[in-house]
Amino acid sequence: MNPRVKSVKAIQNYLLEIVFNNDEKKKFDIKPYLNFGIFKELKDYKLFQTATAKLGTVSWENGLDICPDTLYLESE
């Protein structure tokens, strides 16, 4: 099992700065997802900035979340 999200901060240019429960700090670029399905809603930058760590992943106030494995494996 991959590490889970401990904390997250939405930063400029649709990036998420994530700290995982193994204390690794990575950045996840959400831009490639912004043209697909419900992720289109995150083009609203104010909504994007509502990112919070919840139950080991990142979620937004509209109920959207991302698989924690995707966050870990695709972050740099």
N, C-alpha and C. Protein backbone atom coordinates (compact mmCIF):
# COMPACT_ATOMS: atom_id res chain seq x y z
N MET A 1 0.85 -1.18 0.00
CA MET A 1 0.00 0.00 0.00
C MET A 1 0.89 1.24 0.00
N ASN A 2 0.54 2.18 -0.83
CA ASN A 2 1.28 3.45 -0.91
C ASN A 2 0.92 4.35 0.27
N PRO A 3 1.81 5.29 0.57
CA PRO A 3 1.52 6.25 1.65
C PRO A 3 0.25 7.04 1.38
N ARG A 4 -0.35 7.53 2.43
CA ARG A 4 -1.57 8.33 2.34
C ARG A 4 -1.25 9.79 2.65
N VAL A 5 -2.15 10.67 2.24
CA VAL A 5 -1.97 12.11 2.40
C VAL A 5 -2.15 12.51 3.86
N LYS A 6 -1.15 13.23 4.36
CA LYS A 6 -1.20 13.76 5.72
C LYS A 6 -1.64 15.22 5.70
N SER A 7 -1.13 15.98 4.73
CA SER A 7 -1.54 17.37 4.58
C SER A 7 -1.38 17.79 3.12
N VAL A 8 -2.12 18.84 2.76
CA VAL A 8 -2.07 19.33 1.39
C VAL A 8 -2.25 20.84 1.40
N LYS A 9 -1.62 21.46 0.42
CA LYS A 9 -1.78 22.91 0.22
C LYS A 9 -1.89 23.14 -1.28
N ALA A 10 -2.95 23.84 -1.69
CA ALA A 10 -3.11 24.22 -3.09
C ALA A 10 -2.21 25.43 -3.34
N ILE A 11 -1.33 25.31 -4.32
CA ILE A 11 -0.42 26.40 -4.64
C ILE A 11 -0.64 26.84 -6.08
N GLN A 12 0.08 27.85 -6.49
CA GLN A 12 -0.13 28.44 -7.81
C GLN A 12 -0.01 27.43 -8.95
N ASN A 13 -0.62 27.78 -10.06
CA ASN A 13 -0.53 27.00 -11.30
C ASN A 13 -1.14 25.60 -11.18
N TYR A 14 -2.20 25.48 -10.37
CA TYR A 14 -2.92 24.21 -10.19
C TYR A 14 -2.02 23.06 -9.72
N LEU A 15 -1.15 23.38 -8.79
CA LEU A 15 -0.31 22.37 -8.16
C LEU A 15 -0.77 22.14 -6.73
N LEU A 16 -0.63 20.90 -6.29
CA LEU A 16 -0.89 20.56 -4.90
C LEU A 16 0.43 20.19 -4.25
N GLU A 17 0.73 20.81 -3.15
CA GLU A 17 1.90 20.46 -2.36
C GLU A 17 1.42 19.49 -1.28
N ILE A 18 1.89 18.27 -1.35
CA ILE A 18 1.35 17.20 -0.50
C ILE A 18 2.44 16.64 0.41
N VAL A 19 2.09 16.43 1.67
CA VAL A 19 2.94 15.71 2.61
C VAL A 19 2.22 14.39 2.89
N PHE A 20 2.94 13.29 2.67
CA PHE A 20 2.38 11.97 2.87
C PHE A 20 2.72 11.47 4.28
N ASN A 21 2.04 10.43 4.71
CA ASN A 21 2.24 9.94 6.08
C ASN A 21 3.59 9.26 6.30
N ASN A 22 4.41 9.15 5.26
CA ASN A 22 5.79 8.69 5.42
C ASN A 22 6.74 9.89 5.44
N ASP A 23 6.16 11.10 5.53
CA ASP A 23 6.85 12.39 5.58
C ASP A 23 7.50 12.82 4.27
N GLU A 24 7.22 12.12 3.17
CA GLU A 24 7.66 12.60 1.87
C GLU A 24 6.83 13.81 1.48
N LYS A 25 7.47 14.78 0.85
CA LYS A 25 6.79 15.98 0.37
C LYS A 25 6.91 15.99 -1.15
N LYS A 26 5.76 16.04 -1.82
CA LYS A 26 5.73 16.00 -3.28
C LYS A 26 4.75 17.04 -3.82
N LYS A 27 4.86 17.27 -5.14
CA LYS A 27 3.91 18.17 -5.82
C LYS A 27 3.16 17.36 -6.87
N PHE A 28 1.84 17.60 -6.90
CA PHE A 28 0.97 16.93 -7.86
C PHE A 28 0.37 17.99 -8.76
N ASP A 29 0.51 17.81 -10.07
CA ASP A 29 -0.02 18.74 -11.07
C ASP A 29 -1.42 18.28 -11.48
N ILE A 30 -2.42 19.09 -11.15
CA ILE A 30 -3.80 18.72 -11.47
C ILE A 30 -4.20 19.12 -12.90
N LYS A 31 -3.39 19.95 -13.56
CA LYS A 31 -3.75 20.46 -14.89
C LYS A 31 -4.13 19.39 -15.91
N PRO A 32 -3.44 18.25 -15.99
CA PRO A 32 -3.83 17.23 -16.97
C PRO A 32 -5.24 16.66 -16.76
N TYR A 33 -5.81 16.85 -15.60
CA TYR A 33 -7.13 16.32 -15.28
C TYR A 33 -8.27 17.32 -15.53
N LEU A 34 -7.92 18.57 -15.74
CA LEU A 34 -8.93 19.64 -15.76
C LEU A 34 -9.91 19.59 -16.94
N ASN A 35 -9.67 18.77 -17.93
CA ASN A 35 -10.58 18.68 -19.07
C ASN A 35 -11.41 17.41 -19.07
N PHE A 36 -11.41 16.70 -17.93
CA PHE A 36 -12.11 15.41 -17.86
C PHE A 36 -13.15 15.39 -16.75
N GLY A 37 -14.35 14.96 -17.11
CA GLY A 37 -15.42 14.71 -16.14
C GLY A 37 -15.60 15.79 -15.10
N ILE A 38 -15.78 15.34 -13.88
CA ILE A 38 -16.05 16.25 -12.77
C ILE A 38 -14.84 17.13 -12.45
N PHE A 39 -13.64 16.71 -12.87
CA PHE A 39 -12.45 17.51 -12.61
C PHE A 39 -12.51 18.87 -13.29
N LYS A 40 -13.37 19.01 -14.32
CA LYS A 40 -13.55 20.31 -14.98
C LYS A 40 -13.96 21.39 -13.98
N GLU A 41 -14.67 20.99 -12.93
CA GLU A 41 -15.10 21.95 -11.92
C GLU A 41 -13.92 22.63 -11.23
N LEU A 42 -12.77 21.95 -11.19
CA LEU A 42 -11.60 22.52 -10.53
C LEU A 42 -10.93 23.63 -11.33
N LYS A 43 -11.42 23.89 -12.55
CA LYS A 43 -10.94 25.05 -13.29
C LYS A 43 -11.29 26.33 -12.55
N ASP A 44 -12.34 26.26 -11.74
CA ASP A 44 -12.69 27.37 -10.85
C ASP A 44 -11.60 27.42 -9.77
N TYR A 45 -10.70 28.39 -9.90
CA TYR A 45 -9.52 28.43 -9.03
C TYR A 45 -9.88 28.55 -7.56
N LYS A 46 -10.98 29.24 -7.27
CA LYS A 46 -11.41 29.34 -5.87
C LYS A 46 -11.78 27.96 -5.32
N LEU A 47 -12.44 27.15 -6.12
CA LEU A 47 -12.77 25.79 -5.70
C LEU A 47 -11.50 24.96 -5.56
N PHE A 48 -10.59 25.06 -6.52
CA PHE A 48 -9.32 24.33 -6.44
C PHE A 48 -8.60 24.61 -5.12
N GLN A 49 -8.63 25.85 -4.69
CA GLN A 49 -7.93 26.25 -3.47
C GLN A 49 -8.57 25.70 -2.19
N THR A 50 -9.72 25.05 -2.28
CA THR A 50 -10.36 24.48 -1.09
C THR A 50 -9.84 23.07 -0.78
N ALA A 51 -8.79 22.63 -1.47
CA ALA A 51 -8.24 21.30 -1.26
C ALA A 51 -7.87 21.08 0.21
N THR A 52 -8.29 19.94 0.74
CA THR A 52 -7.94 19.56 2.12
C THR A 52 -7.58 18.09 2.16
N ALA A 53 -6.81 17.73 3.17
CA ALA A 53 -6.49 16.32 3.40
C ALA A 53 -7.63 15.71 4.20
N LYS A 54 -8.19 14.62 3.67
CA LYS A 54 -9.32 13.98 4.33
C LYS A 54 -9.27 12.48 4.06
N LEU A 55 -9.26 11.70 5.12
CA LEU A 55 -9.27 10.24 5.02
C LEU A 55 -8.14 9.70 4.14
N GLY A 56 -6.98 10.32 4.23
CA GLY A 56 -5.80 9.84 3.52
C GLY A 56 -5.67 10.27 2.09
N THR A 57 -6.55 11.15 1.64
CA THR A 57 -6.47 11.64 0.27
C THR A 57 -6.74 13.14 0.25
N VAL A 58 -6.86 13.70 -0.94
CA VAL A 58 -7.20 15.11 -1.11
C VAL A 58 -8.64 15.21 -1.56
N SER A 59 -9.39 16.10 -0.94
CA SER A 59 -10.77 16.32 -1.35
C SER A 59 -11.04 17.82 -1.40
N TRP A 60 -12.11 18.16 -2.10
CA TRP A 60 -12.52 19.55 -2.26
C TRP A 60 -13.92 19.72 -1.71
N GLU A 61 -14.33 20.95 -1.49
CA GLU A 61 -15.62 21.21 -0.84
C GLU A 61 -16.81 20.78 -1.70
N ASN A 62 -16.62 20.50 -2.97
CA ASN A 62 -17.71 20.00 -3.81
C ASN A 62 -17.85 18.48 -3.73
N GLY A 63 -17.01 17.82 -2.89
CA GLY A 63 -17.08 16.38 -2.71
C GLY A 63 -16.12 15.58 -3.57
N LEU A 64 -15.46 16.22 -4.50
CA LEU A 64 -14.50 15.55 -5.38
C LEU A 64 -13.27 15.12 -4.58
N ASP A 65 -12.74 13.94 -4.91
CA ASP A 65 -11.47 13.52 -4.33
C ASP A 65 -10.70 12.74 -5.39
N ILE A 66 -9.45 12.44 -5.07
CA ILE A 66 -8.57 11.72 -5.99
C ILE A 66 -8.00 10.51 -5.25
N CYS A 67 -7.85 9.42 -5.96
CA CYS A 67 -7.27 8.21 -5.39
C CYS A 67 -5.90 8.53 -4.78
N PRO A 68 -5.69 8.18 -3.52
CA PRO A 68 -4.40 8.48 -2.90
C PRO A 68 -3.22 7.79 -3.58
N ASP A 69 -3.45 6.64 -4.19
CA ASP A 69 -2.37 5.97 -4.92
C ASP A 69 -1.95 6.80 -6.13
N THR A 70 -2.92 7.36 -6.84
CA THR A 70 -2.62 8.23 -7.98
C THR A 70 -1.82 9.44 -7.52
N LEU A 71 -2.24 10.03 -6.41
CA LEU A 71 -1.52 11.20 -5.90
C LEU A 71 -0.06 10.86 -5.60
N TYR A 72 0.17 9.73 -4.97
CA TYR A 72 1.53 9.37 -4.60
C TYR A 72 2.36 8.99 -5.82
N LEU A 73 1.82 8.15 -6.70
CA LEU A 73 2.59 7.64 -7.82
C LEU A 73 2.84 8.69 -8.90
N GLU A 74 1.94 9.65 -9.06
CA GLU A 74 2.10 10.64 -10.12
C GLU A 74 2.64 11.98 -9.64
N SER A 75 2.98 12.08 -8.39
CA SER A 75 3.57 13.30 -7.84
C SER A 75 5.08 13.28 -8.05
N GLU A 76 5.63 14.46 -8.10
CA GLU A 76 7.09 14.59 -8.23
C GLU A 76 7.66 15.21 -7.00
